């Protein structure tokens, strides 16, 4: 059975990774959009993005648009691979639970 990724498994980080993996590779989401999608507070979202960035699963780009700061988060190749493995592990669990039990 595939191992679940403890970094991704946390509910908010799972939401972040799911949102980023729904996009084409190399495309990111702005912090404000991720906040709206996940329902997280600024501080909570920032802390979980930091955890994902330290693991190498996302990249964080900070820029200014006009005079406003803008943070964009993008899934890294390693993050996409880890997310795919995590989803595969969940699918194995689902398939195992749905399988017909062996007859005695």
C-alpha atoms as a PDB file:
ATOM      1  CA  UNK A   1       0.000   0.000   0.000  1.00  0.00           C
ATOM      2  CA  UNK A   2       1.259   3.486  -0.833  1.00  0.00           C
ATOM      3  CA  UNK A   3       2.250   5.726   2.057  1.00  0.00           C
ATOM      4  CA  UNK A   4       0.299   8.917   2.648  1.00  0.00           C
ATOM      5  CA  UNK A   5       2.404  12.081   2.694  1.00  0.00           C
ATOM      6  CA  UNK A   6       2.250  13.571   6.211  1.00  0.00           C
ATOM      7  CA  UNK A   7       3.073  17.049   4.894  1.00  0.00           C
ATOM      8  CA  UNK A   8       0.276  17.040   2.323  1.00  0.00           C
ATOM      9  CA  UNK A   9      -2.210  15.084   4.460  1.00  0.00           C
ATOM     10  CA  UNK A  10      -2.994  18.028   6.773  1.00  0.00           C
ATOM     11  CA  UNK A  11      -6.401  19.365   5.562  1.00  0.00           C
ATOM     12  CA  UNK A  12      -5.389  22.937   4.685  1.00  0.00           C
ATOM     13  CA  UNK A  13      -2.199  21.834   2.931  1.00  0.00           C
ATOM     14  CA  UNK A  14      -4.223  19.218   1.034  1.00  0.00           C
ATOM     15  CA  UNK A  15      -6.583  21.995  -0.143  1.00  0.00           C
ATOM     16  CA  UNK A  16      -3.632  24.155  -1.211  1.00  0.00           C
ATOM     17  CA  UNK A  17      -1.986  21.331  -3.139  1.00  0.00           C
ATOM     18  CA  UNK A  18      -5.279  20.260  -4.746  1.00  0.00           C
ATOM     19  CA  UNK A  19      -5.927  23.818  -5.940  1.00  0.00           C
ATOM     20  CA  UNK A  20      -2.397  24.202  -7.324  1.00  0.00           C
ATOM     21  CA  UNK A  21      -2.431  20.791  -9.004  1.00  0.00           C
ATOM     22  CA  UNK A  22      -5.663  21.667 -10.800  1.00  0.00           C
ATOM     23  CA  UNK A  23      -3.668  24.270 -12.756  1.00  0.00           C
ATOM     24  CA  UNK A  24      -1.281  23.681 -15.640  1.00  0.00           C
ATOM     25  CA  UNK A  25       2.332  23.111 -14.541  1.00  0.00           C
ATOM     26  CA  UNK A  26       4.145  26.373 -13.886  1.00  0.00           C
ATOM     27  CA  UNK A  27       0.936  28.296 -13.199  1.00  0.00           C
ATOM     28  CA  UNK A  28       0.421  29.692  -9.721  1.00  0.00           C
ATOM     29  CA  UNK A  29      -2.315  31.214  -7.628  1.00  0.00           C
ATOM     30  CA  UNK A  30      -2.195  34.525  -5.839  1.00  0.00           C
ATOM     31  CA  UNK A  31      -2.292  34.402  -2.059  1.00  0.00           C
ATOM     32  CA  UNK A  32      -5.665  36.192  -1.972  1.00  0.00           C
ATOM     33  CA  UNK A  33      -7.193  33.604  -4.327  1.00  0.00           C
ATOM     34  CA  UNK A  34      -5.808  30.707  -2.253  1.00  0.00           C
ATOM     35  CA  UNK A  35      -7.168  32.361   0.876  1.00  0.00           C
ATOM     36  CA  UNK A  36     -10.627  32.562  -0.689  1.00  0.00           C
ATOM     37  CA  UNK A  37     -10.498  28.975  -2.002  1.00  0.00           C
ATOM     38  CA  UNK A  38      -9.378  27.491   1.311  1.00  0.00           C
ATOM     39  CA  UNK A  39     -11.212  29.741   3.751  1.00  0.00           C
ATOM     40  CA  UNK A  40      -7.999  30.174   5.760  1.00  0.00           C
ATOM     41  CA  UNK A  41      -6.835  33.248   7.631  1.00  0.00           C
ATOM     42  CA  UNK A  42      -3.774  35.143   6.387  1.00  0.00           C
ATOM     43  CA  UNK A  43      -1.532  33.829   9.161  1.00  0.00           C
ATOM     44  CA  UNK A  44      -2.703  30.232   8.949  1.00  0.00           C
ATOM     45  CA  UNK A  45      -2.403  30.133   5.161  1.00  0.00           C
ATOM     46  CA  UNK A  46       1.043  31.730   5.303  1.00  0.00           C
ATOM     47  CA  UNK A  47       2.279  29.183   7.858  1.00  0.00           C
ATOM     48  CA  UNK A  48       1.071  26.234   5.780  1.00  0.00           C
ATOM     49  CA  UNK A  49       2.539  27.669   2.577  1.00  0.00           C
ATOM     50  CA  UNK A  50       5.864  28.001   4.444  1.00  0.00           C
ATOM     51  CA  UNK A  51       5.671  24.327   5.439  1.00  0.00           C
ATOM     52  CA  UNK A  52       5.046  23.309   1.831  1.00  0.00           C
ATOM     53  CA  UNK A  53       7.849  25.589   0.603  1.00  0.00           C
ATOM     54  CA  UNK A  54      10.350  24.157   3.141  1.00  0.00           C
ATOM     55  CA  UNK A  55       9.456  20.672   1.869  1.00  0.00           C
ATOM     56  CA  UNK A  56      10.166  21.841  -1.693  1.00  0.00           C
ATOM     57  CA  UNK A  57       6.551  21.249  -2.744  1.00  0.00           C
ATOM     58  CA  UNK A  58       5.761  24.852  -3.724  1.00  0.00           C
ATOM     59  CA  UNK A  59       7.581  27.959  -4.790  1.00  0.00           C
ATOM     60  CA  UNK A  60       6.613  31.386  -3.494  1.00  0.00           C
ATOM     61  CA  UNK A  61       7.161  34.493  -5.588  1.00  0.00           C
ATOM     62  CA  UNK A  62       6.720  37.929  -4.082  1.00  0.00           C
ATOM     63  CA  UNK A  63       6.378  40.977  -6.292  1.00  0.00           C
ATOM     64  CA  UNK A  64       4.761  44.384  -6.372  1.00  0.00           C
ATOM     65  CA  UNK A  65       1.904  45.185  -8.707  1.00  0.00           C
ATOM     66  CA  UNK A  66       1.779  48.933  -8.671  1.00  0.00           C
ATOM     67  CA  UNK A  67       2.379  49.666  -5.009  1.00  0.00           C
ATOM     68  CA  UNK A  68       0.643  46.550  -3.708  1.00  0.00           C
ATOM     69  CA  UNK A  69       2.552  43.420  -2.699  1.00  0.00           C
ATOM     70  CA  UNK A  70       1.493  40.248  -4.477  1.00  0.00           C
ATOM     71  CA  UNK A  71       2.443  36.712  -3.442  1.00  0.00           C
ATOM     72  CA  UNK A  72       2.026  33.887  -5.949  1.00  0.00           C
ATOM     73  CA  UNK A  73       2.300  30.231  -4.973  1.00  0.00           C
ATOM     74  CA  UNK A  74       3.107  27.565  -7.585  1.00  0.00           C
ATOM     75  CA  UNK A  75       3.356  23.789  -7.204  1.00  0.00           C
ATOM     76  CA  UNK A  76       6.921  22.602  -7.816  1.00  0.00           C
ATOM     77  CA  UNK A  77       7.569  19.439  -9.835  1.00  0.00           C
ATOM     78  CA  UNK A  78       8.403  17.599  -6.599  1.00  0.00           C
ATOM     79  CA  UNK A  79       5.142  18.840  -5.064  1.00  0.00           C
ATOM     80  CA  UNK A  80       3.134  17.644  -8.043  1.00  0.00           C
ATOM     81  CA  UNK A  81       4.784  14.213  -7.788  1.00  0.00           C
ATOM     82  CA  UNK A  82       4.184  14.030  -4.022  1.00  0.00           C
ATOM     83  CA  UNK A  83       0.542  15.047  -4.499  1.00  0.00           C
ATOM     84  CA  UNK A  84       0.068  12.360  -7.181  1.00  0.00           C
ATOM     85  CA  UNK A  85       1.534   9.721  -4.831  1.00  0.00           C
ATOM     86  CA  UNK A  86      -0.692  10.924  -1.989  1.00  0.00           C
ATOM     87  CA  UNK A  87      -3.823  10.758  -4.166  1.00  0.00           C
ATOM     88  CA  UNK A  88      -2.810   7.279  -5.347  1.00  0.00           C
ATOM     89  CA  UNK A  89      -2.514   6.206  -1.704  1.00  0.00           C
ATOM     90  CA  UNK A  90      -5.991   7.548  -0.961  1.00  0.00           C
ATOM     91  CA  UNK A  91      -7.355   5.754  -4.016  1.00  0.00           C
ATOM     92  CA  UNK A  92      -5.825   2.481  -2.784  1.00  0.00           C
ATOM     93  CA  UNK A  93      -7.616   2.908   0.536  1.00  0.00           C
ATOM     94  CA  UNK A  94     -10.912   3.660  -1.220  1.00  0.00           C
ATOM     95  CA  UNK A  95     -10.518   0.687  -3.558  1.00  0.00           C
ATOM     96  CA  UNK A  96      -9.687  -1.610  -0.650  1.00  0.00           C
ATOM     97  CA  UNK A  97     -12.710  -0.455   1.314  1.00  0.00           C
ATOM     98  CA  UNK A  98     -15.011  -0.849  -1.680  1.00  0.00           C
ATOM     99  CA  UNK A  99     -13.742  -4.337  -2.567  1.00  0.00           C
ATOM    100  CA  UNK A 100     -16.053  -7.231  -1.886  1.00  0.00           C
ATOM    101  CA  UNK A 101     -14.990  -9.012   1.316  1.00  0.00           C
ATOM    102  CA  UNK A 102     -13.601 -12.527   0.912  1.00  0.00           C
ATOM    103  CA  UNK A 103     -16.075 -15.349   1.473  1.00  0.00           C
ATOM    104  CA  UNK A 104     -15.303 -17.601   4.502  1.00  0.00           C
END
